[in-house]
Amino acid sequence: MAIDITALFKISYGLYVVTSNDGTRHNGLIVNTVTQTTNTPNRVAVAINKANYSHDVIKNTGIMNVCCLTTEAPFSVFQNFGFRSGKDCDKFADTPFWTSENGLAVPSQYINSFMSLKVESYVDMDTHGMFICTLTEASVINNIPSMTYSYYFDNVKPQPQPQKKKGFVCKICGYVYEGETLPEDFICPLCKHGAEDFEEIK
């Protein structure tokens, strides 16, 4: 039976900044895989790519904050938190923030709510790890609509510029791979998505 991978793009996702702290500095990354799984007790599942530095930090510390981005978030927010590693830079160096009761950062701009989570269990999902968490603190900051994946693609992410060179462009972040063919096992160096999320530059 044929599998049209673009069917997965129809699943509705939100976009979030997940913050943590490695004991030296605050860190954060962009995720779209946050789900409330139960409400008695309140449990939230967060899946994070193992290639991301935050994955190991959260696995070691057992806590994180999930901050819900609004439709006012500019592309620079995604560049800062999504396209570089907290292992190599301080993502909060130029980002105003405050800290919640668990001591983790909450960005002061472009979010409408946040949730502090304590990891209760971990599920190994090959390329990703899923953290099953309980809620320890939560607050609504404003009523600006939440950023969805589709809103990000349609209104925030810059559209790829016409390229004369032969290559493939990542549909997630716009990274361009130059070459005649794209290796089947290629992983985008910016957003960590695989070859299936690239399209040939026409």
C-alpha atoms as a PDB file:
ATOM      1  CA  MET A   1       0.000   0.000   0.000  1.00  0.00           C
ATOM      2  CA  ALA A   2       1.346   3.426  -0.958  1.00  0.00           C
ATOM      3  CA  ILE A   3       2.267   5.942   1.732  1.00  0.00           C
ATOM      4  CA  ASP A   4       1.906   9.628   0.913  1.00  0.00           C
ATOM      5  CA  ILE A   5       4.172  11.230   3.523  1.00  0.00           C
ATOM      6  CA  THR A   6       2.489  14.613   2.971  1.00  0.00           C
ATOM      7  CA  ALA A   7      -0.619  13.212   4.680  1.00  0.00           C
ATOM      8  CA  LEU A   8       1.279  13.713   7.941  1.00  0.00           C
ATOM      9  CA  PHE A   9       1.469  17.432   7.182  1.00  0.00           C
ATOM     10  CA  LYS A  10      -2.301  17.620   7.702  1.00  0.00           C
ATOM     11  CA  ILE A  11      -1.932  16.780  11.400  1.00  0.00           C
ATOM     12  CA  SER A  12      -2.432  19.980  13.371  1.00  0.00           C
ATOM     13  CA  TYR A  13       0.627  21.022  15.401  1.00  0.00           C
ATOM     14  CA  GLY A  14       1.491  23.928  17.650  1.00  0.00           C
ATOM     15  CA  LEU A  15       4.975  25.400  17.948  1.00  0.00           C
ATOM     16  CA  TYR A  16       6.702  25.778  21.294  1.00  0.00           C
ATOM     17  CA  VAL A  17       9.950  26.850  22.900  1.00  0.00           C
ATOM     18  CA  VAL A  18      11.019  24.146  25.343  1.00  0.00           C
ATOM     19  CA  THR A  19      13.499  25.464  27.902  1.00  0.00           C
ATOM     20  CA  SER A  20      15.973  23.674  30.144  1.00  0.00           C
ATOM     21  CA  ASN A  21      19.209  24.364  32.019  1.00  0.00           C
ATOM     22  CA  ASP A  22      22.401  22.290  31.929  1.00  0.00           C
ATOM     23  CA  GLY A  23      23.673  23.739  35.210  1.00  0.00           C
ATOM     24  CA  THR A  24      25.711  26.383  33.427  1.00  0.00           C
ATOM     25  CA  ARG A  25      23.190  28.310  31.366  1.00  0.00           C
ATOM     26  CA  HIS A  26      19.611  28.378  30.130  1.00  0.00           C
ATOM     27  CA  ASN A  27      18.800  26.627  26.885  1.00  0.00           C
ATOM     28  CA  GLY A  28      15.817  26.288  24.583  1.00  0.00           C
ATOM     29  CA  LEU A  29      14.681  24.648  21.364  1.00  0.00           C
ATOM     30  CA  ILE A  30      11.696  24.696  19.039  1.00  0.00           C
ATOM     31  CA  VAL A  31       9.411  21.656  19.106  1.00  0.00           C
ATOM     32  CA  ASN A  32       6.040  20.845  17.571  1.00  0.00           C
ATOM     33  CA  THR A  33       5.424  17.629  19.495  1.00  0.00           C
ATOM     34  CA  VAL A  34       3.675  18.574  22.735  1.00  0.00           C
ATOM     35  CA  THR A  35       0.488  16.730  23.697  1.00  0.00           C
ATOM     36  CA  GLN A  36      -1.700  16.632  26.793  1.00  0.00           C
ATOM     37  CA  THR A  37      -2.246  12.933  27.373  1.00  0.00           C
ATOM     38  CA  THR A  38      -4.400  12.907  30.542  1.00  0.00           C
ATOM     39  CA  ASN A  39      -6.053  15.400  32.879  1.00  0.00           C
ATOM     40  CA  THR A  40      -6.353  13.284  36.041  1.00  0.00           C
ATOM     41  CA  PRO A  41      -3.549  13.787  36.783  1.00  0.00           C
ATOM     42  CA  ASN A  42      -2.439  16.399  34.259  1.00  0.00           C
ATOM     43  CA  ARG A  43       0.198  14.720  32.116  1.00  0.00           C
ATOM     44  CA  VAL A  44       1.931  16.101  29.049  1.00  0.00           C
ATOM     45  CA  ALA A  45       4.072  14.218  26.517  1.00  0.00           C
ATOM     46  CA  VAL A  46       6.961  15.982  24.780  1.00  0.00           C
ATOM     47  CA  ALA A  47       8.990  14.280  22.039  1.00  0.00           C
ATOM     48  CA  ILE A  48      12.497  15.595  21.335  1.00  0.00           C
ATOM     49  CA  ASN A  49      15.020  14.540  18.700  1.00  0.00           C
ATOM     50  CA  LYS A  50      17.987  12.787  20.311  1.00  0.00           C
ATOM     51  CA  ALA A  51      20.327  14.844  18.118  1.00  0.00           C
ATOM     52  CA  ASN A  52      19.278  17.980  19.994  1.00  0.00           C
ATOM     53  CA  TYR A  53      21.373  19.035  22.983  1.00  0.00           C
ATOM     54  CA  SER A  54      18.203  19.695  25.002  1.00  0.00           C
ATOM     55  CA  HIS A  55      17.281  16.009  24.834  1.00  0.00           C
ATOM     56  CA  ASP A  56      20.217  14.982  27.020  1.00  0.00           C
ATOM     57  CA  VAL A  57      19.882  18.003  29.316  1.00  0.00           C
ATOM     58  CA  ILE A  58      16.223  17.221  30.056  1.00  0.00           C
ATOM     59  CA  LYS A  59      16.930  13.516  30.444  1.00  0.00           C
ATOM     60  CA  ASN A  60      19.581  14.353  33.042  1.00  0.00           C
ATOM     61  CA  THR A  61      17.694  17.060  34.949  1.00  0.00           C
ATOM     62  CA  GLY A  62      14.132  15.746  34.688  1.00  0.00           C
ATOM     63  CA  ILE A  63      12.515  19.163  34.239  1.00  0.00           C
ATOM     64  CA  MET A  64      11.536  21.499  31.407  1.00  0.00           C
ATOM     65  CA  ASN A  65       9.279  24.415  30.553  1.00  0.00           C
ATOM     66  CA  VAL A  66       6.991  24.419  27.519  1.00  0.00           C
ATOM     67  CA  CYS A  67       6.282  27.940  26.250  1.00  0.00           C
ATOM     68  CA  CYS A  68       3.504  28.363  23.666  1.00  0.00           C
ATOM     69  CA  LEU A  69       4.519  30.670  20.809  1.00  0.00           C
ATOM     70  CA  THR A  70       2.034  33.188  19.414  1.00  0.00           C
ATOM     71  CA  THR A  71       1.351  34.272  15.850  1.00  0.00           C
ATOM     72  CA  GLU A  72       3.400  37.418  16.581  1.00  0.00           C
ATOM     73  CA  ALA A  73       6.658  35.446  16.835  1.00  0.00           C
ATOM     74  CA  PRO A  74       9.045  36.540  14.051  1.00  0.00           C
ATOM     75  CA  PHE A  75      11.313  34.214  12.089  1.00  0.00           C
ATOM     76  CA  SER A  76      14.263  35.339  14.239  1.00  0.00           C
ATOM     77  CA  VAL A  77      12.768  33.383  17.173  1.00  0.00           C
ATOM     78  CA  PHE A  78      12.950  30.188  15.107  1.00  0.00           C
ATOM     79  CA  GLN A  79      16.454  31.014  13.916  1.00  0.00           C
ATOM     80  CA  ASN A  80      17.611  31.480  17.503  1.00  0.00           C
ATOM     81  CA  PHE A  81      15.955  28.501  19.149  1.00  0.00           C
ATOM     82  CA  GLY A  82      15.617  26.145  16.198  1.00  0.00           C
ATOM     83  CA  PHE A  83      18.555  26.471  13.841  1.00  0.00           C
ATOM     84  CA  ARG A  84      21.552  26.302  16.189  1.00  0.00           C
ATOM     85  CA  SER A  85      22.671  24.194  19.127  1.00  0.00           C
ATOM     86  CA  GLY A  86      22.643  25.292  22.749  1.00  0.00           C
ATOM     87  CA  LYS A  87      25.783  23.220  23.156  1.00  0.00           C
ATOM     88  CA  ASP A  88      27.676  25.829  21.139  1.00  0.00           C
ATOM     89  CA  CYS A  89      25.928  29.097  22.016  1.00  0.00           C
ATOM     90  CA  ASP A  90      23.873  30.922  24.641  1.00  0.00           C
ATOM     91  CA  LYS A  91      20.402  31.158  23.143  1.00  0.00           C
ATOM     92  CA  PHE A  92      19.232  33.496  25.890  1.00  0.00           C
ATOM     93  CA  ALA A  93      22.134  35.947  25.520  1.00  0.00           C
ATOM     94  CA  ASP A  94      19.913  38.403  23.612  1.00  0.00           C
ATOM     95  CA  THR A  95      16.499  37.055  24.595  1.00  0.00           C
ATOM     96  CA  PRO A  96      14.670  38.723  27.506  1.00  0.00           C
ATOM     97  CA  PHE A  97      13.295  36.197  29.973  1.00  0.00           C
ATOM     98  CA  TRP A  98      12.186  35.519  33.530  1.00  0.00           C
ATOM     99  CA  THR A  99      12.393  32.327  35.527  1.00  0.00           C
ATOM    100  CA  SER A 100       9.558  30.139  36.769  1.00  0.00           C
ATOM    101  CA  GLU A 101       9.460  28.386  40.135  1.00  0.00           C
ATOM    102  CA  ASN A 102      11.571  25.488  38.837  1.00  0.00           C
ATOM    103  CA  GLY A 103      14.376  27.923  37.950  1.00  0.00           C
ATOM    104  CA  LEU A 104      14.034  27.579  34.183  1.00  0.00           C
ATOM    105  CA  ALA A 105      13.748  30.398  31.678  1.00  0.00           C
ATOM    106  CA  VAL A 106      10.481  31.673  30.226  1.00  0.00           C
ATOM    107  CA  PRO A 107      10.861  34.064  27.250  1.00  0.00           C
ATOM    108  CA  SER A 108       9.320  37.457  27.985  1.00  0.00           C
ATOM    109  CA  GLN A 109       8.044  37.937  24.418  1.00  0.00           C
ATOM    110  CA  TYR A 110       6.023  36.076  21.790  1.00  0.00           C
ATOM    111  CA  ILE A 111       4.389  33.500  24.062  1.00  0.00           C
ATOM    112  CA  ASN A 112       0.835  33.297  25.411  1.00  0.00           C
ATOM    113  CA  SER A 113       1.357  30.711  28.161  1.00  0.00           C
ATOM    114  CA  PHE A 114       3.861  28.372  29.739  1.00  0.00           C
ATOM    115  CA  MET A 115       3.882  25.063  31.575  1.00  0.00           C
ATOM    116  CA  SER A 116       6.541  23.732  33.944  1.00  0.00           C
ATOM    117  CA  LEU A 117       6.914  19.974  33.653  1.00  0.00           C
ATOM    118  CA  LYS A 118       8.523  17.243  35.739  1.00  0.00           C
ATOM    119  CA  VAL A 119       9.564  14.122  33.838  1.00  0.00           C
ATOM    120  CA  GLU A 120       7.910  10.973  35.209  1.00  0.00           C
ATOM    121  CA  SER A 121       8.938   8.472  32.536  1.00  0.00           C
ATOM    122  CA  TYR A 122      10.845   8.227  29.287  1.00  0.00           C
ATOM    123  CA  VAL A 123      10.064   6.290  26.118  1.00  0.00           C
ATOM    124  CA  ASP A 124      12.862   5.526  23.633  1.00  0.00           C
ATOM    125  CA  MET A 125      11.511   6.089  20.118  1.00  0.00           C
ATOM    126  CA  ASP A 126      14.677   5.414  18.100  1.00  0.00           C
ATOM    127  CA  THR A 127      15.478   8.878  16.665  1.00  0.00           C
ATOM    128  CA  HIS A 128      13.486  10.654  19.396  1.00  0.00           C
ATOM    129  CA  GLY A 129      12.831  10.379  23.087  1.00  0.00           C
ATOM    130  CA  MET A 130       9.369  10.959  24.519  1.00  0.00           C
ATOM    131  CA  PHE A 131       9.159  12.511  27.971  1.00  0.00           C
ATOM    132  CA  ILE A 132       5.956  11.795  29.903  1.00  0.00           C
ATOM    133  CA  CYS A 133       5.574  14.611  32.425  1.00  0.00           C
ATOM    134  CA  THR A 134       3.397  15.959  35.210  1.00  0.00           C
ATOM    135  CA  LEU A 135       2.451  19.615  35.478  1.00  0.00           C
ATOM    136  CA  THR A 136       4.053  21.573  38.329  1.00  0.00           C
ATOM    137  CA  GLU A 137       3.187  25.154  37.304  1.00  0.00           C
ATOM    138  CA  ALA A 138       1.243  26.806  34.484  1.00  0.00           C
ATOM    139  CA  SER A 139       0.067  30.274  33.569  1.00  0.00           C
ATOM    140  CA  VAL A 140      -1.752  32.073  30.751  1.00  0.00           C
ATOM    141  CA  ILE A 141       0.036  35.298  29.855  1.00  0.00           C
ATOM    142  CA  ASN A 142      -2.215  36.722  27.127  1.00  0.00           C
ATOM    143  CA  ASN A 143      -4.884  35.719  24.606  1.00  0.00           C
ATOM    144  CA  ILE A 144      -2.901  36.199  21.398  1.00  0.00           C
ATOM    145  CA  PRO A 145      -3.560  33.161  19.150  1.00  0.00           C
ATOM    146  CA  SER A 146      -1.075  30.307  19.314  1.00  0.00           C
ATOM    147  CA  MET A 147       1.358  29.704  16.471  1.00  0.00           C
ATOM    148  CA  THR A 148       0.536  26.585  14.469  1.00  0.00           C
ATOM    149  CA  TYR A 149       2.800  24.713  12.103  1.00  0.00           C
ATOM    150  CA  SER A 150       0.674  25.708   9.125  1.00  0.00           C
ATOM    151  CA  TYR A 151       0.650  29.382  10.178  1.00  0.00           C
ATOM    152  CA  TYR A 152       4.441  29.268  10.447  1.00  0.00           C
ATOM    153  CA  PHE A 153       4.771  27.851   6.921  1.00  0.00           C
ATOM    154  CA  ASP A 154       2.266  30.265   5.381  1.00  0.00           C
ATOM    155  CA  ASN A 155       3.153  33.494   7.189  1.00  0.00           C
ATOM    156  CA  VAL A 156       6.500  33.337   8.996  1.00  0.00           C
ATOM    157  CA  LYS A 157       9.011  31.078   7.240  1.00  0.00           C
ATOM    158  CA  PRO A 158      10.687  32.882   4.310  1.00  0.00           C
ATOM    159  CA  GLN A 159       9.857  31.299   0.994  1.00  0.00           C
ATOM    160  CA  PRO A 160      12.842  29.788  -0.844  1.00  0.00           C
ATOM    161  CA  GLN A 161      14.266  32.094  -3.465  1.00  0.00           C
ATOM    162  CA  PRO A 162      14.637  30.785  -7.017  1.00  0.00           C
ATOM    163  CA  GLN A 163      17.915  28.935  -7.339  1.00  0.00           C
ATOM    164  CA  LYS A 164      19.828  28.358 -10.542  1.00  0.00           C
ATOM    165  CA  LYS A 165      22.016  25.669  -9.024  1.00  0.00           C
ATOM    166  CA  LYS A 166      20.910  22.048  -8.945  1.00  0.00           C
ATOM    167  CA  GLY A 167      19.834  21.043  -5.459  1.00  0.00           C
ATOM    168  CA  PHE A 168      17.167  20.314  -2.886  1.00  0.00           C
ATOM    169  CA  VAL A 169      15.521  22.611  -0.351  1.00  0.00           C
ATOM    170  CA  CYS A 170      14.295  21.633   3.113  1.00  0.00           C
ATOM    171  CA  LYS A 171      10.556  22.279   3.364  1.00  0.00           C
ATOM    172  CA  ILE A 172      10.892  22.802   7.111  1.00  0.00           C
ATOM    173  CA  CYS A 173      13.644  25.420   7.470  1.00  0.00           C
ATOM    174  CA  GLY A 174      14.719  26.374   3.928  1.00  0.00           C
ATOM    175  CA  TYR A 175      18.214  24.834   4.046  1.00  0.00           C
ATOM    176  CA  VAL A 176      19.550  24.183   0.521  1.00  0.00           C
ATOM    177  CA  TYR A 177      21.536  21.055  -0.330  1.00  0.00           C
ATOM    178  CA  GLU A 178      23.476  21.524  -3.554  1.00  0.00           C
ATOM    179  CA  GLY A 179      23.965  18.502  -5.762  1.00  0.00           C
ATOM    180  CA  GLU A 180      22.414  16.313  -8.450  1.00  0.00           C
ATOM    181  CA  THR A 181      20.975  13.790  -6.008  1.00  0.00           C
ATOM    182  CA  LEU A 182      20.050  13.912  -2.333  1.00  0.00           C
ATOM    183  CA  PRO A 183      21.328  10.955  -0.263  1.00  0.00           C
ATOM    184  CA  GLU A 184      18.447   8.901   1.156  1.00  0.00           C
ATOM    185  CA  ASP A 185      19.921   9.109   4.652  1.00  0.00           C
ATOM    186  CA  PHE A 186      20.617  12.868   4.512  1.00  0.00           C
ATOM    187  CA  ILE A 187      19.721  14.801   7.676  1.00  0.00           C
ATOM    188  CA  CYS A 188      19.233  18.571   7.534  1.00  0.00           C
ATOM    189  CA  PRO A 189      22.038  20.182   9.570  1.00  0.00           C
ATOM    190  CA  LEU A 190      19.699  22.952  10.739  1.00  0.00           C
ATOM    191  CA  CYS A 191      16.370  21.393  11.694  1.00  0.00           C
ATOM    192  CA  LYS A 192      17.396  17.692  11.809  1.00  0.00           C
ATOM    193  CA  HIS A 193      14.649  16.556   9.426  1.00  0.00           C
ATOM    194  CA  GLY A 194      15.363  13.766   6.959  1.00  0.00           C
ATOM    195  CA  ALA A 195      15.494  13.515   3.166  1.00  0.00           C
ATOM    196  CA  GLU A 196      11.717  12.995   2.965  1.00  0.00           C
ATOM    197  CA  ASP A 197      11.229  16.662   3.939  1.00  0.00           C
ATOM    198  CA  PHE A 198      13.324  17.963   1.034  1.00  0.00           C
ATOM    199  CA  GLU A 199      12.040  18.884  -2.399  1.00  0.00           C
ATOM    200  CA  GLU A 200      13.964  19.349  -5.610  1.00  0.00           C
ATOM    201  CA  ILE A 201      14.624  22.916  -6.690  1.00  0.00           C
ATOM    202  CA  LYS A 202      12.903  23.433 -10.014  1.00  0.00           C
END
